[in-house]
Amino acid sequence: MDKRQSSTPLDLKAVRITDSFWCSETVRTEVIPYQWEALNDRINSAEPSYCMHNFKAAKKKRNPAVLKFIPYFAWANRGEGEMRVWVRI
């Protein structure tokens, strides 16, 4: 799998924002607070996203599950090779 397409944790203390757009007063006082309200479903004119609700629900749902993966090469008799797999949980 190409690791450039995977995400990795980032130390936010090491991040420095230098672009003038993100450092503007409008972004700080309007855009970011609006986004926070939207993520928490507190914008009356917008459909709820359930974003924060889903994060909180996922945090509570830490039940171990048993998954059985059958390698594609064994399932379809195509030989070994890399494969990206998406698992809906």
N, C-alpha and C. Protein backbone atom coordinates (compact mmCIF):
# COMPACT_ATOMS: atom_id res chain seq x y z
N MET A 1 0.84 -1.18 0.00
CA MET A 1 0.00 0.00 0.00
C MET A 1 0.88 1.24 0.00
N ASP A 2 0.48 2.24 -0.73
CA ASP A 2 1.22 3.49 -0.82
C ASP A 2 1.00 4.29 0.46
N LYS A 3 2.04 4.44 1.29
CA LYS A 3 1.92 5.13 2.57
C LYS A 3 1.67 6.62 2.40
N ARG A 4 1.91 7.17 1.21
CA ARG A 4 1.63 8.59 0.98
C ARG A 4 0.14 8.86 0.99
N GLN A 5 -0.68 7.83 0.80
CA GLN A 5 -2.12 8.00 0.77
C GLN A 5 -2.75 7.71 2.13
N SER A 6 -1.96 7.34 3.12
CA SER A 6 -2.46 7.06 4.45
C SER A 6 -2.22 8.26 5.34
N SER A 7 -3.08 8.43 6.33
CA SER A 7 -2.87 9.54 7.26
C SER A 7 -2.10 9.05 8.47
N THR A 8 -1.35 9.95 9.07
CA THR A 8 -0.59 9.64 10.28
C THR A 8 -0.84 10.75 11.29
N PRO A 9 -0.74 10.44 12.57
CA PRO A 9 -0.93 11.48 13.59
C PRO A 9 0.07 12.61 13.41
N LEU A 10 -0.35 13.79 13.79
CA LEU A 10 0.48 14.98 13.63
C LEU A 10 0.50 15.72 14.96
N ASP A 11 1.68 16.12 15.38
CA ASP A 11 1.81 16.90 16.61
C ASP A 11 1.38 18.33 16.31
N LEU A 12 0.21 18.73 16.81
CA LEU A 12 -0.32 20.05 16.50
C LEU A 12 0.53 21.18 17.06
N LYS A 13 1.32 20.91 18.09
CA LYS A 13 2.20 21.94 18.62
C LYS A 13 3.33 22.27 17.66
N ALA A 14 3.59 21.37 16.73
CA ALA A 14 4.66 21.59 15.76
C ALA A 14 4.15 22.29 14.50
N VAL A 15 2.85 22.53 14.41
CA VAL A 15 2.27 23.14 13.22
C VAL A 15 2.33 24.66 13.33
N ARG A 16 2.77 25.30 12.28
CA ARG A 16 2.80 26.76 12.22
C ARG A 16 2.04 27.19 10.97
N ILE A 17 1.02 27.98 11.14
CA ILE A 17 0.23 28.46 10.00
C ILE A 17 0.78 29.82 9.60
N THR A 18 1.21 29.91 8.34
CA THR A 18 1.81 31.15 7.87
C THR A 18 1.00 31.82 6.78
N ASP A 19 0.04 31.13 6.20
CA ASP A 19 -0.78 31.71 5.14
C ASP A 19 -1.63 32.83 5.72
N SER A 20 -1.67 33.97 5.08
CA SER A 20 -2.38 35.13 5.61
C SER A 20 -3.88 34.91 5.70
N PHE A 21 -4.44 34.05 4.84
CA PHE A 21 -5.89 33.78 4.91
C PHE A 21 -6.26 33.24 6.28
N TRP A 22 -5.54 32.23 6.76
CA TRP A 22 -5.88 31.59 8.03
C TRP A 22 -5.55 32.46 9.23
N CYS A 23 -4.70 33.44 9.04
CA CYS A 23 -4.32 34.33 10.14
C CYS A 23 -5.20 35.57 10.20
N SER A 24 -6.18 35.67 9.31
CA SER A 24 -7.01 36.87 9.27
C SER A 24 -7.99 36.90 10.44
N GLU A 25 -8.39 38.09 10.80
CA GLU A 25 -9.34 38.29 11.91
C GLU A 25 -10.69 37.67 11.58
N THR A 26 -11.11 37.73 10.33
CA THR A 26 -12.40 37.16 9.93
C THR A 26 -12.43 35.65 10.14
N VAL A 27 -11.37 34.98 9.78
CA VAL A 27 -11.31 33.53 9.99
C VAL A 27 -11.36 33.22 11.48
N ARG A 28 -10.61 33.97 12.26
CA ARG A 28 -10.56 33.71 13.70
C ARG A 28 -11.89 34.00 14.39
N THR A 29 -12.55 35.08 14.00
CA THR A 29 -13.76 35.49 14.73
C THR A 29 -15.06 35.03 14.09
N GLU A 30 -15.03 34.65 12.79
CA GLU A 30 -16.27 34.27 12.10
C GLU A 30 -16.26 32.83 11.58
N VAL A 31 -15.26 32.50 10.78
CA VAL A 31 -15.26 31.20 10.10
C VAL A 31 -15.10 30.04 11.07
N ILE A 32 -14.07 30.08 11.89
CA ILE A 32 -13.82 28.95 12.80
C ILE A 32 -14.95 28.80 13.81
N PRO A 33 -15.45 29.87 14.45
CA PRO A 33 -16.59 29.68 15.35
C PRO A 33 -17.83 29.14 14.64
N TYR A 34 -18.09 29.60 13.40
CA TYR A 34 -19.23 29.08 12.65
C TYR A 34 -19.07 27.58 12.38
N GLN A 35 -17.88 27.17 11.98
CA GLN A 35 -17.63 25.76 11.72
C GLN A 35 -17.85 24.92 12.98
N TRP A 36 -17.43 25.43 14.12
CA TRP A 36 -17.62 24.71 15.38
C TRP A 36 -19.11 24.54 15.66
N GLU A 37 -19.88 25.60 15.45
CA GLU A 37 -21.33 25.52 15.66
C GLU A 37 -21.95 24.54 14.68
N ALA A 38 -21.49 24.55 13.42
CA ALA A 38 -22.01 23.63 12.41
C ALA A 38 -21.69 22.18 12.77
N LEU A 39 -20.47 21.92 13.21
CA LEU A 39 -20.09 20.55 13.59
C LEU A 39 -20.91 20.04 14.78
N ASN A 40 -21.37 20.96 15.61
CA ASN A 40 -22.17 20.59 16.78
C ASN A 40 -23.67 20.74 16.52
N ASP A 41 -24.05 20.90 15.24
CA ASP A 41 -25.46 20.96 14.82
C ASP A 41 -26.23 22.08 15.50
N ARG A 42 -25.60 23.25 15.60
CA ARG A 42 -26.26 24.38 16.23
C ARG A 42 -26.54 25.52 15.24
N ILE A 43 -26.62 25.19 13.94
CA ILE A 43 -26.98 26.17 12.92
C ILE A 43 -28.39 25.83 12.45
N ASN A 44 -29.36 26.67 12.81
CA ASN A 44 -30.76 26.36 12.52
C ASN A 44 -31.06 26.22 11.04
N SER A 45 -30.36 26.96 10.19
CA SER A 45 -30.64 26.93 8.75
C SER A 45 -29.92 25.80 8.02
N ALA A 46 -29.16 24.99 8.75
CA ALA A 46 -28.39 23.90 8.10
C ALA A 46 -28.90 22.55 8.60
N GLU A 47 -28.87 21.58 7.71
CA GLU A 47 -29.22 20.21 8.10
C GLU A 47 -28.19 19.70 9.09
N PRO A 48 -28.61 18.94 10.09
CA PRO A 48 -27.63 18.41 11.05
C PRO A 48 -26.67 17.43 10.39
N SER A 49 -25.43 17.48 10.80
CA SER A 49 -24.42 16.56 10.26
C SER A 49 -24.20 15.38 11.21
N TYR A 50 -24.57 15.56 12.47
CA TYR A 50 -24.36 14.54 13.51
C TYR A 50 -22.88 14.22 13.70
N CYS A 51 -22.01 15.12 13.28
CA CYS A 51 -20.56 14.88 13.34
C CYS A 51 -20.10 14.60 14.76
N MET A 52 -20.31 15.53 15.67
CA MET A 52 -19.83 15.35 17.04
C MET A 52 -20.58 14.22 17.74
N HIS A 53 -21.85 14.09 17.43
CA HIS A 53 -22.63 12.98 17.99
C HIS A 53 -22.00 11.64 17.60
N ASN A 54 -21.61 11.52 16.33
CA ASN A 54 -21.01 10.27 15.86
C ASN A 54 -19.66 10.01 16.50
N PHE A 55 -18.86 11.07 16.69
CA PHE A 55 -17.58 10.89 17.38
C PHE A 55 -17.78 10.40 18.81
N LYS A 56 -18.75 11.00 19.50
CA LYS A 56 -19.02 10.59 20.89
C LYS A 56 -19.55 9.17 20.94
N ALA A 57 -20.42 8.81 20.01
CA ALA A 57 -20.97 7.45 19.97
C ALA A 57 -19.87 6.44 19.67
N ALA A 58 -18.97 6.78 18.75
CA ALA A 58 -17.88 5.87 18.41
C ALA A 58 -16.94 5.67 19.59
N LYS A 59 -16.73 6.74 20.36
CA LYS A 59 -15.85 6.63 21.53
C LYS A 59 -16.42 5.65 22.55
N LYS A 60 -17.73 5.65 22.73
CA LYS A 60 -18.38 4.75 23.68
C LYS A 60 -18.41 3.32 23.19
N LYS A 61 -18.39 3.14 21.88
CA LYS A 61 -18.57 1.82 21.28
C LYS A 61 -17.22 1.17 21.00
N ARG A 62 -16.59 0.69 22.01
CA ARG A 62 -15.28 0.07 21.87
C ARG A 62 -15.37 -1.44 22.08
N ASN A 63 -16.36 -2.07 21.51
CA ASN A 63 -16.51 -3.52 21.65
C ASN A 63 -15.60 -4.23 20.66
N PRO A 64 -14.82 -5.18 21.15
CA PRO A 64 -13.98 -5.93 20.20
C PRO A 64 -14.84 -6.77 19.27
N ALA A 65 -14.40 -6.92 18.07
CA ALA A 65 -15.12 -7.71 17.08
C ALA A 65 -14.16 -8.72 16.46
N VAL A 66 -14.70 -9.84 16.06
CA VAL A 66 -13.92 -10.85 15.37
C VAL A 66 -14.21 -10.71 13.88
N LEU A 67 -13.17 -10.45 13.12
CA LEU A 67 -13.30 -10.31 11.68
C LEU A 67 -12.49 -11.39 10.98
N LYS A 68 -13.04 -11.93 9.94
CA LYS A 68 -12.33 -12.94 9.16
C LYS A 68 -12.09 -12.36 7.77
N PHE A 69 -10.81 -12.21 7.44
CA PHE A 69 -10.44 -11.68 6.14
C PHE A 69 -9.91 -12.82 5.28
N ILE A 70 -10.46 -12.94 4.10
CA ILE A 70 -9.98 -13.94 3.15
C ILE A 70 -9.19 -13.18 2.08
N PRO A 71 -7.89 -13.45 1.97
CA PRO A 71 -7.09 -12.74 0.98
C PRO A 71 -7.68 -12.90 -0.42
N TYR A 72 -7.68 -11.81 -1.15
CA TYR A 72 -8.28 -11.82 -2.48
C TYR A 72 -7.66 -12.87 -3.39
N PHE A 73 -6.32 -13.05 -3.26
CA PHE A 73 -5.67 -14.03 -4.13
C PHE A 73 -6.17 -15.45 -3.84
N ALA A 74 -6.54 -15.71 -2.59
CA ALA A 74 -7.06 -17.03 -2.26
C ALA A 74 -8.53 -17.15 -2.67
N TRP A 75 -9.24 -16.05 -2.55
CA TRP A 75 -10.67 -16.06 -2.86
C TRP A 75 -10.89 -16.17 -4.37
N ALA A 76 -10.13 -15.43 -5.14
CA ALA A 76 -10.35 -15.40 -6.58
C ALA A 76 -9.25 -16.13 -7.35
N ASN A 77 -8.32 -16.76 -6.62
CA ASN A 77 -7.27 -17.54 -7.26
C ASN A 77 -6.47 -16.71 -8.27
N ARG A 78 -6.02 -15.52 -7.85
CA ARG A 78 -5.31 -14.63 -8.76
C ARG A 78 -3.85 -14.44 -8.39
N GLY A 79 -3.35 -15.07 -7.37
CA GLY A 79 -1.96 -14.90 -6.98
C GLY A 79 -1.79 -13.75 -5.99
N GLU A 80 -0.58 -13.64 -5.44
CA GLU A 80 -0.32 -12.61 -4.44
C GLU A 80 -0.20 -11.23 -5.08
N GLY A 81 -0.46 -10.21 -4.27
CA GLY A 81 -0.33 -8.82 -4.71
C GLY A 81 -0.91 -7.89 -3.67
N GLU A 82 -0.59 -6.60 -3.77
CA GLU A 82 -1.12 -5.63 -2.83
C GLU A 82 -2.59 -5.37 -3.11
N MET A 83 -3.30 -5.02 -2.02
CA MET A 83 -4.71 -4.71 -2.17
C MET A 83 -5.14 -3.79 -1.04
N ARG A 84 -5.89 -2.79 -1.35
CA ARG A 84 -6.45 -1.90 -0.33
C ARG A 84 -7.85 -2.40 0.00
N VAL A 85 -8.15 -2.44 1.29
CA VAL A 85 -9.42 -2.98 1.75
C VAL A 85 -10.12 -1.94 2.60
N TRP A 86 -11.41 -1.74 2.34
CA TRP A 86 -12.24 -0.88 3.18
C TRP A 86 -13.16 -1.78 3.97
N VAL A 87 -13.25 -1.51 5.26
CA VAL A 87 -14.09 -2.34 6.13
C VAL A 87 -15.10 -1.44 6.80
N ARG A 88 -16.36 -1.75 6.61
CA ARG A 88 -17.41 -0.98 7.27
C ARG A 88 -17.66 -1.61 8.63
N ILE A 89 -17.50 -0.80 9.69
CA ILE A 89 -17.72 -1.32 11.03
C ILE A 89 -18.76 -0.50 11.76
